[in-house]
């Protein structure tokens, strides 16, 4: 199982980024996919999840600014991040969850700074 994130980088406050996570070695369509983040000195936290039926769930801190989506044909999950704030700075991790199994990507750095 391999999850590869991309799309991170440095952006100014108020800007946008789109993260992608390409999955291989899994039957992508049966997994709930998610994005988590970990800021320096803090625990990893949920950002957003999307079920096999494309129901999404968001952390309160990102509601209305971030959108998670998935393309089962491309085995890819996306996180569109708008109106970014400095407190969104973190390493963002992709997660695939099915029953008791969890798989993680290596993470991509997002830095929001002027």
PDB file of N, CA and C in Angstrom:
ATOM      1  N   UNK A   1       0.846  -1.185   0.000  1.00  0.00           N
ATOM      2  CA  UNK A   1       0.000   0.000   0.000  1.00  0.00           C
ATOM      3  C   UNK A   1       0.888   1.244   0.000  1.00  0.00           C
ATOM      4  N   UNK A   2       0.578   2.143  -0.892  1.00  0.00           N
ATOM      5  CA  UNK A   2       1.361   3.372  -0.964  1.00  0.00           C
ATOM      6  C   UNK A   2       0.431   4.558  -1.159  1.00  0.00           C
ATOM      7  N   UNK A   3       0.621   5.583  -0.321  1.00  0.00           N
ATOM      8  CA  UNK A   3      -0.100   6.840  -0.445  1.00  0.00           C
ATOM      9  C   UNK A   3       0.933   7.938  -0.644  1.00  0.00           C
ATOM     10  N   UNK A   4       0.793   8.691  -1.721  1.00  0.00           N
ATOM     11  CA  UNK A   4       1.777   9.717  -2.046  1.00  0.00           C
ATOM     12  C   UNK A   4       1.084  11.059  -2.150  1.00  0.00           C
ATOM     13  N   UNK A   5       1.432  11.966  -1.212  1.00  0.00           N
ATOM     14  CA  UNK A   5       0.849  13.303  -1.213  1.00  0.00           C
ATOM     15  C   UNK A   5       1.672  14.243  -2.070  1.00  0.00           C
ATOM     16  N   UNK A   6       1.009  15.242  -2.591  1.00  0.00           N
ATOM     17  CA  UNK A   6       1.676  16.298  -3.335  1.00  0.00           C
ATOM     18  C   UNK A   6       0.848  17.563  -3.239  1.00  0.00           C
ATOM     19  N   UNK A   7       1.471  18.696  -3.613  1.00  0.00           N
ATOM     20  CA  UNK A   7       0.736  19.952  -3.674  1.00  0.00           C
ATOM     21  C   UNK A   7       1.017  20.915  -2.540  1.00  0.00           C
ATOM     22  N   UNK A   8       1.813  20.502  -1.566  1.00  0.00           N
ATOM     23  CA  UNK A   8       2.143  21.414  -0.485  1.00  0.00           C
ATOM     24  C   UNK A   8       3.087  22.514  -0.941  1.00  0.00           C
ATOM     25  N   UNK A   9       3.321  23.473  -0.035  1.00  0.00           N
ATOM     26  CA  UNK A   9       4.225  24.554  -0.371  1.00  0.00           C
ATOM     27  C   UNK A   9       4.029  25.747   0.529  1.00  0.00           C
ATOM     28  N   UNK A  10       4.607  26.853   0.112  1.00  0.00           N
ATOM     29  CA  UNK A  10       4.517  28.120   0.848  1.00  0.00           C
ATOM     30  C   UNK A  10       3.474  29.004   0.176  1.00  0.00           C
ATOM     31  N   UNK A  11       2.569  29.530   0.980  1.00  0.00           N
ATOM     32  CA  UNK A  11       1.508  30.394   0.448  1.00  0.00           C
ATOM     33  C   UNK A  11       1.268  31.525   1.430  1.00  0.00           C
ATOM     34  N   UNK A  12       0.847  32.667   0.916  1.00  0.00           N
ATOM     35  CA  UNK A  12       0.546  33.801   1.770  1.00  0.00           C
ATOM     36  C   UNK A  12      -0.821  33.633   2.422  1.00  0.00           C
ATOM     37  N   UNK A  13      -1.017  34.264   3.564  1.00  0.00           N
ATOM     38  CA  UNK A  13      -2.354  34.227   4.192  1.00  0.00           C
ATOM     39  C   UNK A  13      -3.425  34.687   3.206  1.00  0.00           C
ATOM     40  N   UNK A  14      -4.537  33.969   3.220  1.00  0.00           N
ATOM     41  CA  UNK A  14      -5.610  34.258   2.284  1.00  0.00           C
ATOM     42  C   UNK A  14      -5.509  33.504   0.977  1.00  0.00           C
ATOM     43  N   UNK A  15      -4.389  32.849   0.763  1.00  0.00           N
ATOM     44  CA  UNK A  15      -4.173  32.121  -0.479  1.00  0.00           C
ATOM     45  C   UNK A  15      -4.791  30.734  -0.471  1.00  0.00           C
ATOM     46  N   UNK A  16      -4.539  29.995  -1.554  1.00  0.00           N
ATOM     47  CA  UNK A  16      -5.118  28.672  -1.729  1.00  0.00           C
ATOM     48  C   UNK A  16      -4.054  27.664  -2.137  1.00  0.00           C
ATOM     49  N   UNK A  17      -4.299  26.428  -1.779  1.00  0.00           N
ATOM     50  CA  UNK A  17      -3.500  25.294  -2.226  1.00  0.00           C
ATOM     51  C   UNK A  17      -4.426  24.114  -2.435  1.00  0.00           C
ATOM     52  N   UNK A  18      -4.018  23.225  -3.316  1.00  0.00           N
ATOM     53  CA  UNK A  18      -4.755  21.981  -3.517  1.00  0.00           C
ATOM     54  C   UNK A  18      -3.799  20.818  -3.300  1.00  0.00           C
ATOM     55  N   UNK A  19      -4.093  20.007  -2.310  1.00  0.00           N
ATOM     56  CA  UNK A  19      -3.309  18.814  -2.035  1.00  0.00           C
ATOM     57  C   UNK A  19      -3.922  17.625  -2.762  1.00  0.00           C
ATOM     58  N   UNK A  20      -3.058  16.720  -3.203  1.00  0.00           N
ATOM     59  CA  UNK A  20      -3.496  15.480  -3.831  1.00  0.00           C
ATOM     60  C   UNK A  20      -2.846  14.305  -3.120  1.00  0.00           C
ATOM     61  N   UNK A  21      -3.526  13.184  -3.107  1.00  0.00           N
ATOM     62  CA  UNK A  21      -2.987  11.955  -2.537  1.00  0.00           C
ATOM     63  C   UNK A  21      -3.346  10.818  -3.486  1.00  0.00           C
ATOM     64  N   UNK A  22      -2.326  10.253  -4.101  1.00  0.00           N
ATOM     65  CA  UNK A  22      -2.516   9.142  -5.023  1.00  0.00           C
ATOM     66  C   UNK A  22      -2.261   7.830  -4.295  1.00  0.00           C
ATOM     67  N   UNK A  23      -3.202   6.913  -4.408  1.00  0.00           N
ATOM     68  CA  UNK A  23      -3.109   5.627  -3.721  1.00  0.00           C
ATOM     69  C   UNK A  23      -2.809   4.514  -4.710  1.00  0.00           C
ATOM     70  N   UNK A  24      -2.012   3.553  -4.252  1.00  0.00           N
ATOM     71  CA  UNK A  24      -1.746   2.353  -5.045  1.00  0.00           C
ATOM     72  C   UNK A  24      -1.666   1.168  -4.106  1.00  0.00           C
ATOM     73  N   UNK A  25      -1.953   0.016  -4.641  1.00  0.00           N
ATOM     74  CA  UNK A  25      -1.886  -1.192  -3.832  1.00  0.00           C
ATOM     75  C   UNK A  25      -3.096  -1.425  -2.951  1.00  0.00           C
ATOM     76  N   UNK A  26      -4.153  -0.636  -3.170  1.00  0.00           N
ATOM     77  CA  UNK A  26      -5.385  -0.793  -2.400  1.00  0.00           C
ATOM     78  C   UNK A  26      -6.573  -0.745  -3.344  1.00  0.00           C
ATOM     79  N   UNK A  27      -7.665  -1.323  -2.884  1.00  0.00           N
ATOM     80  CA  UNK A  27      -8.920  -1.154  -3.610  1.00  0.00           C
ATOM     81  C   UNK A  27      -9.487   0.168  -3.124  1.00  0.00           C
ATOM     82  N   UNK A  28      -9.107   1.233  -3.793  1.00  0.00           N
ATOM     83  CA  UNK A  28      -9.320   2.590  -3.305  1.00  0.00           C
ATOM     84  C   UNK A  28     -10.772   2.855  -2.947  1.00  0.00           C
ATOM     85  N   UNK A  29     -11.674   2.339  -3.750  1.00  0.00           N
ATOM     86  CA  UNK A  29     -13.082   2.710  -3.606  1.00  0.00           C
ATOM     87  C   UNK A  29     -13.708   2.237  -2.303  1.00  0.00           C
ATOM     88  N   UNK A  30     -13.095   1.265  -1.616  1.00  0.00           N
ATOM     89  CA  UNK A  30     -13.703   0.765  -0.385  1.00  0.00           C
ATOM     90  C   UNK A  30     -13.181   1.477   0.853  1.00  0.00           C
ATOM     91  N   UNK A  31     -12.208   2.348   0.674  1.00  0.00           N
ATOM     92  CA  UNK A  31     -11.586   3.015   1.809  1.00  0.00           C
ATOM     93  C   UNK A  31     -12.203   4.375   2.077  1.00  0.00           C
ATOM     94  N   UNK A  32     -12.419   4.666   3.362  1.00  0.00           N
ATOM     95  CA  UNK A  32     -12.647   6.045   3.764  1.00  0.00           C
ATOM     96  C   UNK A  32     -11.304   6.750   3.717  1.00  0.00           C
ATOM     97  N   UNK A  33     -11.258   7.875   3.049  1.00  0.00           N
ATOM     98  CA  UNK A  33     -10.015   8.619   2.901  1.00  0.00           C
ATOM     99  C   UNK A  33     -10.064   9.874   3.754  1.00  0.00           C
ATOM    100  N   UNK A  34      -8.909  10.281   4.231  1.00  0.00           N
ATOM    101  CA  UNK A  34      -8.883  11.454   5.087  1.00  0.00           C
ATOM    102  C   UNK A  34      -7.589  12.233   4.968  1.00  0.00           C
ATOM    103  N   UNK A  35      -7.668  13.442   5.437  1.00  0.00           N
ATOM    104  CA  UNK A  35      -6.494  14.303   5.583  1.00  0.00           C
ATOM    105  C   UNK A  35      -6.356  14.675   7.056  1.00  0.00           C
ATOM    106  N   UNK A  36      -5.141  14.550   7.541  1.00  0.00           N
ATOM    107  CA  UNK A  36      -4.795  14.939   8.902  1.00  0.00           C
ATOM    108  C   UNK A  36      -3.624  15.905   8.819  1.00  0.00           C
ATOM    109  N   UNK A  37      -3.373  16.613   9.901  1.00  0.00           N
ATOM    110  CA  UNK A  37      -2.219  17.517   9.904  1.00  0.00           C
ATOM    111  C   UNK A  37      -1.564  17.531  11.283  1.00  0.00           C
ATOM    112  N   UNK A  38      -0.286  17.850  11.267  1.00  0.00           N
ATOM    113  CA  UNK A  38       0.463  17.936  12.511  1.00  0.00           C
ATOM    114  C   UNK A  38       1.374  19.152  12.460  1.00  0.00           C
ATOM    115  N   UNK A  39       1.104  20.076  13.361  1.00  0.00           N
ATOM    116  CA  UNK A  39       1.932  21.265  13.487  1.00  0.00           C
ATOM    117  C   UNK A  39       3.050  20.987  14.480  1.00  0.00           C
ATOM    118  N   UNK A  40       4.143  21.736  14.404  1.00  0.00           N
ATOM    119  CA  UNK A  40       5.254  21.511  15.334  1.00  0.00           C
ATOM    120  C   UNK A  40       4.809  21.594  16.794  1.00  0.00           C
ATOM    121  N   UNK A  41       5.178  20.583  17.564  1.00  0.00           N
ATOM    122  CA  UNK A  41       4.853  20.565  18.982  1.00  0.00           C
ATOM    123  C   UNK A  41       3.422  20.195  19.303  1.00  0.00           C
ATOM    124  N   UNK A  42       2.656  19.832  18.289  1.00  0.00           N
ATOM    125  CA  UNK A  42       1.243  19.485  18.510  1.00  0.00           C
ATOM    126  C   UNK A  42       0.970  18.064  18.033  1.00  0.00           C
ATOM    127  N   UNK A  43      -0.160  17.523  18.507  1.00  0.00           N
ATOM    128  CA  UNK A  43      -0.566  16.195  18.071  1.00  0.00           C
ATOM    129  C   UNK A  43      -1.186  16.257  16.674  1.00  0.00           C
ATOM    130  N   UNK A  44      -1.140  15.129  16.003  1.00  0.00           N
ATOM    131  CA  UNK A  44      -1.792  15.030  14.703  1.00  0.00           C
ATOM    132  C   UNK A  44      -3.300  15.168  14.901  1.00  0.00           C
ATOM    133  N   UNK A  45      -3.947  15.933  14.031  1.00  0.00           N
ATOM    134  CA  UNK A  45      -5.371  16.170  14.161  1.00  0.00           C
ATOM    135  C   UNK A  45      -6.086  15.939  12.841  1.00  0.00           C
ATOM    136  N   UNK A  46      -7.351  15.572  12.967  1.00  0.00           N
ATOM    137  CA  UNK A  46      -8.180  15.373  11.787  1.00  0.00           C
ATOM    138  C   UNK A  46      -8.459  16.711  11.103  1.00  0.00           C
ATOM    139  N   UNK A  47      -8.356  16.707   9.784  1.00  0.00           N
ATOM    140  CA  UNK A  47      -8.755  17.864   8.997  1.00  0.00           C
ATOM    141  C   UNK A  47     -10.084  17.582   8.294  1.00  0.00           C
ATOM    142  N   UNK A  48     -10.134  16.475   7.560  1.00  0.00           N
ATOM    143  CA  UNK A  48     -11.350  16.135   6.822  1.00  0.00           C
ATOM    144  C   UNK A  48     -11.314  14.670   6.425  1.00  0.00           C
ATOM    145  N   UNK A  49     -12.494  14.067   6.315  1.00  0.00           N
ATOM    146  CA  UNK A  49     -12.610  12.707   5.812  1.00  0.00           C
ATOM    147  C   UNK A  49     -13.713  12.649   4.767  1.00  0.00           C
ATOM    148  N   UNK A  50     -13.635  11.618   3.920  1.00  0.00           N
ATOM    149  CA  UNK A  50     -14.665  11.406   2.915  1.00  0.00           C
ATOM    150  C   UNK A  50     -14.894   9.909   2.802  1.00  0.00           C
ATOM    151  N   UNK A  51     -16.149   9.498   2.902  1.00  0.00           N
ATOM    152  CA  UNK A  51     -16.484   8.080   2.889  1.00  0.00           C
ATOM    153  C   UNK A  51     -16.541   7.538   1.467  1.00  0.00           C
ATOM    154  N   UNK A  52     -16.792   6.238   1.380  1.00  0.00           N
ATOM    155  CA  UNK A  52     -16.937   5.615   0.064  1.00  0.00           C
ATOM    156  C   UNK A  52     -18.132   6.188  -0.687  1.00  0.00           C
ATOM    157  N   UNK A  53     -19.125   6.665   0.054  1.00  0.00           N
ATOM    158  CA  UNK A  53     -20.292   7.289  -0.565  1.00  0.00           C
ATOM    159  C   UNK A  53     -20.152   8.788  -0.730  1.00  0.00           C
ATOM    160  N   UNK A  54     -18.916   9.291  -0.531  1.00  0.00           N
ATOM    161  CA  UNK A  54     -18.582  10.707  -0.697  1.00  0.00           C
ATOM    162  C   UNK A  54     -19.238  11.624   0.328  1.00  0.00           C
ATOM    163  N   UNK A  55     -19.555  11.070   1.496  1.00  0.00           N
ATOM    164  CA  UNK A  55     -19.974  11.945   2.591  1.00  0.00           C
ATOM    165  C   UNK A  55     -18.720  12.503   3.247  1.00  0.00           C
ATOM    166  N   UNK A  56     -18.714  13.791   3.484  1.00  0.00           N
ATOM    167  CA  UNK A  56     -17.526  14.427   4.021  1.00  0.00           C
ATOM    168  C   UNK A  56     -17.752  14.932   5.442  1.00  0.00           C
ATOM    169  N   UNK A  57     -16.652  15.043   6.156  1.00  0.00           N
ATOM    170  CA  UNK A  57     -16.671  15.519   7.529  1.00  0.00           C
ATOM    171  C   UNK A  57     -15.449  16.417   7.709  1.00  0.00           C
ATOM    172  N   UNK A  58     -15.631  17.527   8.433  1.00  0.00           N
ATOM    173  CA  UNK A  58     -14.552  18.499   8.566  1.00  0.00           C
ATOM    174  C   UNK A  58     -14.334  18.889  10.026  1.00  0.00           C
ATOM    175  N   UNK A  59     -13.101  19.206  10.336  1.00  0.00           N
ATOM    176  CA  UNK A  59     -12.815  19.846  11.613  1.00  0.00           C
ATOM    177  C   UNK A  59     -13.449  21.231  11.605  1.00  0.00           C
ATOM    178  N   UNK A  60     -13.898  21.664  12.769  1.00  0.00           N
ATOM    179  CA  UNK A  60     -14.546  22.971  12.855  1.00  0.00           C
ATOM    180  C   UNK A  60     -13.633  24.086  12.356  1.00  0.00           C
ATOM    181  N   UNK A  61     -12.336  23.922  12.564  1.00  0.00           N
ATOM    182  CA  UNK A  61     -11.384  24.985  12.224  1.00  0.00           C
ATOM    183  C   UNK A  61     -11.244  25.198  10.717  1.00  0.00           C
ATOM    184  N   UNK A  62     -11.695  24.240   9.911  1.00  0.00           N
ATOM    185  CA  UNK A  62     -11.524  24.369   8.466  1.00  0.00           C
ATOM    186  C   UNK A  62     -12.858  24.409   7.713  1.00  0.00           C
ATOM    187  N   UNK A  63     -13.958  24.241   8.419  1.00  0.00           N
ATOM    188  CA  UNK A  63     -15.266  24.254   7.756  1.00  0.00           C
ATOM    189  C   UNK A  63     -15.474  25.560   7.007  1.00  0.00           C
ATOM    190  N   UNK A  64     -15.957  25.419   5.781  1.00  0.00           N
ATOM    191  CA  UNK A  64     -16.209  26.599   4.958  1.00  0.00           C
ATOM    192  C   UNK A  64     -14.999  27.080   4.192  1.00  0.00           C
ATOM    193  N   UNK A  65     -13.812  26.551   4.509  1.00  0.00           N
ATOM    194  CA  UNK A  65     -12.586  26.960   3.813  1.00  0.00           C
ATOM    195  C   UNK A  65     -11.960  25.815   3.026  1.00  0.00           C
ATOM    196  N   UNK A  66     -12.061  24.611   3.547  1.00  0.00           N
ATOM    197  CA  UNK A  66     -11.456  23.438   2.916  1.00  0.00           C
ATOM    198  C   UNK A  66     -12.540  22.544   2.330  1.00  0.00           C
ATOM    199  N   UNK A  67     -12.198  21.878   1.231  1.00  0.00           N
ATOM    200  CA  UNK A  67     -13.109  20.913   0.619  1.00  0.00           C
ATOM    201  C   UNK A  67     -12.346  19.646   0.262  1.00  0.00           C
ATOM    202  N   UNK A  68     -12.845  18.519   0.752  1.00  0.00           N
ATOM    203  CA  UNK A  68     -12.251  17.219   0.414  1.00  0.00           C
ATOM    204  C   UNK A  68     -13.081  16.585  -0.697  1.00  0.00           C
ATOM    205  N   UNK A  69     -12.401  15.921  -1.615  1.00  0.00           N
ATOM    206  CA  UNK A  69     -13.095  15.221  -2.691  1.00  0.00           C
ATOM    207  C   UNK A  69     -12.274  14.001  -3.090  1.00  0.00           C
ATOM    208  N   UNK A  70     -12.904  13.102  -3.830  1.00  0.00           N
ATOM    209  CA  UNK A  70     -12.190  11.908  -4.254  1.00  0.00           C
ATOM    210  C   UNK A  70     -12.577  11.565  -5.682  1.00  0.00           C
ATOM    211  N   UNK A  71     -11.635  10.947  -6.385  1.00  0.00           N
ATOM    212  CA  UNK A  71     -11.862  10.457  -7.743  1.00  0.00           C
ATOM    213  C   UNK A  71     -11.466   8.991  -7.732  1.00  0.00           C
ATOM    214  N   UNK A  72     -12.455   8.117  -7.638  1.00  0.00           N
ATOM    215  CA  UNK A  72     -12.166   6.687  -7.538  1.00  0.00           C
ATOM    216  C   UNK A  72     -11.528   6.139  -8.816  1.00  0.00           C
ATOM    217  N   UNK A  73     -11.812   6.751  -9.942  1.00  0.00           N
ATOM    218  CA  UNK A  73     -11.221   6.298 -11.204  1.00  0.00           C
ATOM    219  C   UNK A  73      -9.719   6.563 -11.233  1.00  0.00           C
ATOM    220  N   UNK A  74      -9.287   7.597 -10.499  1.00  0.00           N
ATOM    221  CA  UNK A  74      -7.868   7.952 -10.464  1.00  0.00           C
ATOM    222  C   UNK A  74      -7.190   7.542  -9.169  1.00  0.00           C
ATOM    223  N   UNK A  75      -7.948   6.861  -8.272  1.00  0.00           N
ATOM    224  CA  UNK A  75      -7.395   6.457  -6.965  1.00  0.00           C
ATOM    225  C   UNK A  75      -6.767   7.640  -6.237  1.00  0.00           C
ATOM    226  N   UNK A  76      -7.448   8.759  -6.271  1.00  0.00           N
ATOM    227  CA  UNK A  76      -6.881   9.989  -5.729  1.00  0.00           C
ATOM    228  C   UNK A  76      -7.903  10.723  -4.866  1.00  0.00           C
ATOM    229  N   UNK A  77      -7.410  11.275  -3.767  1.00  0.00           N
ATOM    230  CA  UNK A  77      -8.211  12.137  -2.910  1.00  0.00           C
ATOM    231  C   UNK A  77      -7.561  13.508  -2.899  1.00  0.00           C
ATOM    232  N   UNK A  78      -8.395  14.533  -2.841  1.00  0.00           N
ATOM    233  CA  UNK A  78      -7.918  15.908  -2.909  1.00  0.00           C
ATOM    234  C   UNK A  78      -8.348  16.690  -1.676  1.00  0.00           C
ATOM    235  N   UNK A  79      -7.596  17.741  -1.385  1.00  0.00           N
ATOM    236  CA  UNK A  79      -7.999  18.689  -0.359  1.00  0.00           C
ATOM    237  C   UNK A  79      -7.767  20.089  -0.922  1.00  0.00           C
ATOM    238  N   UNK A  80      -8.866  20.760  -1.245  1.00  0.00           N
ATOM    239  CA  UNK A  80      -8.794  22.143  -1.702  1.00  0.00           C
ATOM    240  C   UNK A  80      -8.835  23.039  -0.471  1.00  0.00           C
ATOM    241  N   UNK A  81      -7.816  23.856  -0.322  1.00  0.00           N
ATOM    242  CA  UNK A  81      -7.688  24.715   0.851  1.00  0.00           C
ATOM    243  C   UNK A  81      -7.715  26.169   0.408  1.00  0.00           C
ATOM    244  N   UNK A  82      -8.735  26.878   0.846  1.00  0.00           N
ATOM    245  CA  UNK A  82      -8.888  28.290   0.522  1.00  0.00           C
ATOM    246  C   UNK A  82      -8.803  29.135   1.788  1.00  0.00           C
ATOM    247  N   UNK A  83      -8.606  30.422   1.604  1.00  0.00           N
ATOM    248  CA  UNK A  83      -8.541  31.361   2.735  1.00  0.00           C
ATOM    249  C   UNK A  83      -7.588  30.854   3.821  1.00  0.00           C
ATOM    250  N   UNK A  84      -6.426  30.449   3.401  1.00  0.00           N
ATOM    251  CA  UNK A  84      -5.474  29.850   4.341  1.00  0.00           C
ATOM    252  C   UNK A  84      -5.001  30.854   5.376  1.00  0.00           C
ATOM    253  N   UNK A  85      -4.780  30.334   6.576  1.00  0.00           N
ATOM    254  CA  UNK A  85      -4.342  31.133   7.708  1.00  0.00           C
ATOM    255  C   UNK A  85      -2.996  30.620   8.213  1.00  0.00           C
ATOM    256  N   UNK A  86      -2.229  31.438   8.891  1.00  0.00           N
ATOM    257  CA  UNK A  86      -0.949  30.959   9.442  1.00  0.00           C
ATOM    258  C   UNK A  86      -1.117  29.733  10.330  1.00  0.00           C
ATOM    259  N   UNK A  87      -2.232  29.640  11.028  1.00  0.00           N
ATOM    260  CA  UNK A  87      -2.449  28.485  11.900  1.00  0.00           C
ATOM    261  C   UNK A  87      -2.749  27.193  11.130  1.00  0.00           C
ATOM    262  N   UNK A  88      -2.880  27.288   9.822  1.00  0.00           N
ATOM    263  CA  UNK A  88      -3.013  26.082   8.996  1.00  0.00           C
ATOM    264  C   UNK A  88      -1.652  25.466   8.675  1.00  0.00           C
ATOM    265  N   UNK A  89      -0.583  26.133   9.047  1.00  0.00           N
ATOM    266  CA  UNK A  89       0.759  25.624   8.793  1.00  0.00           C
ATOM    267  C   UNK A  89       0.967  24.298   9.525  1.00  0.00           C
ATOM    268  N   UNK A  90       1.354  23.284   8.764  1.00  0.00           N
ATOM    269  CA  UNK A  90       1.532  21.936   9.326  1.00  0.00           C
ATOM    270  C   UNK A  90       2.011  21.000   8.225  1.00  0.00           C
ATOM    271  N   UNK A  91       2.385  19.810   8.642  1.00  0.00           N
ATOM    272  CA  UNK A  91       2.573  18.718   7.691  1.00  0.00           C
ATOM    273  C   UNK A  91       1.220  18.032   7.534  1.00  0.00           C
ATOM    274  N   UNK A  92       0.779  17.897   6.308  1.00  0.00           N
ATOM    275  CA  UNK A  92      -0.512  17.294   6.003  1.00  0.00           C
ATOM    276  C   UNK A  92      -0.298  15.853   5.539  1.00  0.00           C
ATOM    277  N   UNK A  93      -1.066  14.947   6.166  1.00  0.00           N
ATOM    278  CA  UNK A  93      -0.937  13.524   5.886  1.00  0.00           C
ATOM    279  C   UNK A  93      -2.234  12.971   5.295  1.00  0.00           C
ATOM    280  N   UNK A  94      -2.080  12.116   4.326  1.00  0.00           N
ATOM    281  CA  UNK A  94      -3.201  11.394   3.741  1.00  0.00           C
ATOM    282  C   UNK A  94      -3.390  10.081   4.504  1.00  0.00           C
ATOM    283  N   UNK A  95      -4.649   9.697   4.700  1.00  0.00           N
ATOM    284  CA  UNK A  95      -4.967   8.469   5.419  1.00  0.00           C
ATOM    285  C   UNK A  95      -5.990   7.670   4.641  1.00  0.00           C
ATOM    286  N   UNK A  96      -5.799   6.344   4.641  1.00  0.00           N
ATOM    287  CA  UNK A  96      -6.789   5.420   4.084  1.00  0.00           C
ATOM    288  C   UNK A  96      -7.226   4.491   5.196  1.00  0.00           C
ATOM    289  N   UNK A  97      -8.537   4.417   5.405  1.00  0.00           N
ATOM    290  CA  UNK A  97      -9.069   3.636   6.523  1.00  0.00           C
ATOM    291  C   UNK A  97     -10.121   2.658   6.031  1.00  0.00           C
ATOM    292  N   UNK A  98      -9.980   1.387   6.450  1.00  0.00           N
ATOM    293  CA  UNK A  98     -10.988   0.383   6.144  1.00  0.00           C
ATOM    294  C   UNK A  98     -11.034  -0.616   7.284  1.00  0.00           C
ATOM    295  N   UNK A  99     -12.156  -0.747   7.932  1.00  0.00           N
ATOM    296  CA  UNK A  99     -12.313  -1.605   9.119  1.00  0.00           C
ATOM    297  C   UNK A  99     -11.196  -1.258  10.095  1.00  0.00           C
ATOM    298  N   UNK A 100     -10.354  -2.178  10.451  1.00  0.00           N
ATOM    299  CA  UNK A 100      -9.321  -1.908  11.443  1.00  0.00           C
ATOM    300  C   UNK A 100      -7.988  -1.506  10.887  1.00  0.00           C
ATOM    301  N   UNK A 101      -7.922  -1.277   9.590  1.00  0.00           N
ATOM    302  CA  UNK A 101      -6.646  -0.963   8.950  1.00  0.00           C
ATOM    303  C   UNK A 101      -6.533   0.513   8.612  1.00  0.00           C
ATOM    304  N   UNK A 102      -5.362   1.062   8.888  1.00  0.00           N
ATOM    305  CA  UNK A 102      -5.054   2.445   8.542  1.00  0.00           C
ATOM    306  C   UNK A 102      -3.722   2.494   7.811  1.00  0.00           C
ATOM    307  N   UNK A 103      -3.686   3.272   6.747  1.00  0.00           N
ATOM    308  CA  UNK A 103      -2.451   3.496   6.010  1.00  0.00           C
ATOM    309  C   UNK A 103      -2.220   4.994   5.896  1.00  0.00           C
ATOM    310  N   UNK A 104      -0.930   5.381   5.919  1.00  0.00           N
ATOM    311  CA  UNK A 104      -0.567   6.792   5.921  1.00  0.00           C
ATOM    312  C   UNK A 104       0.429   7.111   4.824  1.00  0.00           C
ATOM    313  N   UNK A 105       0.343   8.311   4.318  1.00  0.00           N
ATOM    314  CA  UNK A 105       1.353   8.819   3.413  1.00  0.00           C
ATOM    315  C   UNK A 105       2.509   9.410   4.197  1.00  0.00           C
ATOM    316  N   UNK A 106       3.486   9.921   3.476  1.00  0.00           N
ATOM    317  CA  UNK A 106       4.688  10.447   4.115  1.00  0.00           C
ATOM    318  C   UNK A 106       4.533  11.901   4.546  1.00  0.00           C
ATOM    319  N   UNK A 107       3.487  12.546   4.068  1.00  0.00           N
ATOM    320  CA  UNK A 107       3.217  13.922   4.461  1.00  0.00           C
ATOM    321  C   UNK A 107       3.738  14.947   3.480  1.00  0.00           C
ATOM    322  N   UNK A 108       3.064  16.083   3.449  1.00  0.00           N
ATOM    323  CA  UNK A 108       3.508  17.206   2.628  1.00  0.00           C
ATOM    324  C   UNK A 108       3.392  18.486   3.455  1.00  0.00           C
ATOM    325  N   UNK A 109       4.415  19.318   3.388  1.00  0.00           N
ATOM    326  CA  UNK A 109       4.467  20.519   4.219  1.00  0.00           C
ATOM    327  C   UNK A 109       3.641  21.632   3.593  1.00  0.00           C
ATOM    328  N   UNK A 110       2.814  22.245   4.420  1.00  0.00           N
ATOM    329  CA  UNK A 110       2.073  23.447   4.036  1.00  0.00           C
ATOM    330  C   UNK A 110       2.485  24.554   4.989  1.00  0.00           C
ATOM    331  N   UNK A 111       2.983  25.642   4.443  1.00  0.00           N
ATOM    332  CA  UNK A 111       3.393  26.782   5.249  1.00  0.00           C
ATOM    333  C   UNK A 111       2.641  28.020   4.779  1.00  0.00           C
ATOM    334  N   UNK A 112       1.941  28.645   5.715  1.00  0.00           N
ATOM    335  CA  UNK A 112       1.179  29.860   5.403  1.00  0.00           C
ATOM    336  C   UNK A 112       1.861  31.022   6.114  1.00  0.00           C
ATOM    337  N   UNK A 113       2.472  31.878   5.331  1.00  0.00           N
ATOM    338  CA  UNK A 113       3.255  32.965   5.904  1.00  0.00           C
ATOM    339  C   UNK A 113       3.421  34.081   4.891  1.00  0.00           C
ATOM    340  N   UNK A 114       3.486  35.295   5.413  1.00  0.00           N
ATOM    341  CA  UNK A 114       3.744  36.442   4.543  1.00  0.00           C
ATOM    342  C   UNK A 114       5.241  36.745   4.509  1.00  0.00           C
TER     343      UNK A 114
END
